[in-house]
C-alpha atoms as a PDB file:
ATOM      1  CA  UNK A   1       0.000   0.000   0.000  1.00  0.00           C
ATOM      2  CA  UNK A   2       2.808   2.415   0.845  1.00  0.00           C
ATOM      3  CA  UNK A   3       4.378   1.936  -2.598  1.00  0.00           C
ATOM      4  CA  UNK A   4       1.049   2.753  -4.244  1.00  0.00           C
ATOM      5  CA  UNK A   5       0.731   5.960  -2.196  1.00  0.00           C
ATOM      6  CA  UNK A   6       4.230   6.999  -3.250  1.00  0.00           C
ATOM      7  CA  UNK A   7       3.313   6.388  -6.896  1.00  0.00           C
ATOM      8  CA  UNK A   8       0.165   8.519  -6.544  1.00  0.00           C
ATOM      9  CA  UNK A   9       2.069  11.335  -4.897  1.00  0.00           C
ATOM     10  CA  UNK A  10       4.790  11.233  -7.536  1.00  0.00           C
ATOM     11  CA  UNK A  11       2.268  11.321 -10.397  1.00  0.00           C
ATOM     12  CA  UNK A  12       0.392  14.190  -8.728  1.00  0.00           C
ATOM     13  CA  UNK A  13       3.672  16.086  -8.555  1.00  0.00           C
ATOM     14  CA  UNK A  14       4.371  15.302 -12.219  1.00  0.00           C
ATOM     15  CA  UNK A  15       0.930  16.603 -13.182  1.00  0.00           C
ATOM     16  CA  UNK A  16       1.613  19.714 -11.090  1.00  0.00           C
ATOM     17  CA  UNK A  17       4.901  20.243 -12.902  1.00  0.00           C
ATOM     18  CA  UNK A  18       3.179  19.813 -16.260  1.00  0.00           C
ATOM     19  CA  UNK A  19       0.528  22.393 -15.427  1.00  0.00           C
ATOM     20  CA  UNK A  20       2.999  24.957 -14.044  1.00  0.00           C
ATOM     21  CA  UNK A  21       4.735  27.546 -16.194  1.00  0.00           C
ATOM     22  CA  UNK A  22       8.414  26.794 -16.770  1.00  0.00           C
ATOM     23  CA  UNK A  23      11.138  29.063 -18.153  1.00  0.00           C
ATOM     24  CA  UNK A  24      11.332  26.877 -21.284  1.00  0.00           C
ATOM     25  CA  UNK A  25       7.581  26.401 -21.922  1.00  0.00           C
ATOM     26  CA  UNK A  26       4.114  27.614 -21.060  1.00  0.00           C
ATOM     27  CA  UNK A  27       1.980  25.733 -18.557  1.00  0.00           C
ATOM     28  CA  UNK A  28      -0.172  22.934 -19.958  1.00  0.00           C
ATOM     29  CA  UNK A  29      -3.879  22.899 -19.259  1.00  0.00           C
ATOM     30  CA  UNK A  30      -5.191  20.097 -17.048  1.00  0.00           C
ATOM     31  CA  UNK A  31      -6.783  18.528 -20.114  1.00  0.00           C
ATOM     32  CA  UNK A  32      -3.490  18.486 -22.051  1.00  0.00           C
ATOM     33  CA  UNK A  33      -1.529  17.174 -19.037  1.00  0.00           C
ATOM     34  CA  UNK A  34      -4.030  14.359 -18.448  1.00  0.00           C
ATOM     35  CA  UNK A  35      -3.980  13.489 -22.166  1.00  0.00           C
ATOM     36  CA  UNK A  36      -0.182  13.243 -22.027  1.00  0.00           C
ATOM     37  CA  UNK A  37      -0.367  11.019 -18.950  1.00  0.00           C
ATOM     38  CA  UNK A  38      -2.984   8.872 -20.698  1.00  0.00           C
ATOM     39  CA  UNK A  39      -0.851   8.524 -23.865  1.00  0.00           C
ATOM     40  CA  UNK A  40       2.144   7.377 -21.839  1.00  0.00           C
ATOM     41  CA  UNK A  41       0.417   5.074 -19.361  1.00  0.00           C
ATOM     42  CA  UNK A  42       1.853   1.605 -19.310  1.00  0.00           C
ATOM     43  CA  UNK A  43       5.248   2.831 -20.513  1.00  0.00           C
ATOM     44  CA  UNK A  44       6.199   5.947 -18.567  1.00  0.00           C
ATOM     45  CA  UNK A  45       3.332   6.020 -16.054  1.00  0.00           C
ATOM     46  CA  UNK A  46       1.525   3.355 -14.031  1.00  0.00           C
ATOM     47  CA  UNK A  47      -1.908   2.781 -15.652  1.00  0.00           C
ATOM     48  CA  UNK A  48      -3.707   2.434 -12.295  1.00  0.00           C
ATOM     49  CA  UNK A  49      -2.292   5.712 -11.016  1.00  0.00           C
ATOM     50  CA  UNK A  50      -3.177   7.524 -14.247  1.00  0.00           C
ATOM     51  CA  UNK A  51      -6.764   6.265 -13.860  1.00  0.00           C
ATOM     52  CA  UNK A  52      -6.918   7.667 -10.314  1.00  0.00           C
ATOM     53  CA  UNK A  53      -5.486  11.040 -11.406  1.00  0.00           C
ATOM     54  CA  UNK A  54      -8.080  11.242 -14.151  1.00  0.00           C
ATOM     55  CA  UNK A  55     -10.825  11.070 -11.537  1.00  0.00           C
ATOM     56  CA  UNK A  56      -9.384  13.809  -9.293  1.00  0.00           C
END
């Protein structure tokens, strides 16, 4: 269970980074960030965690 919580927290932080403005790019909208997470689930991101983030 603890490992799953760490994964959720990490993915939430990744989504936060994606939706924040960076010096090298504009912030993504939530919709774009979630679409990117969805496209990369199973390779870069855990599919179960992406599903949970999509519901938040």
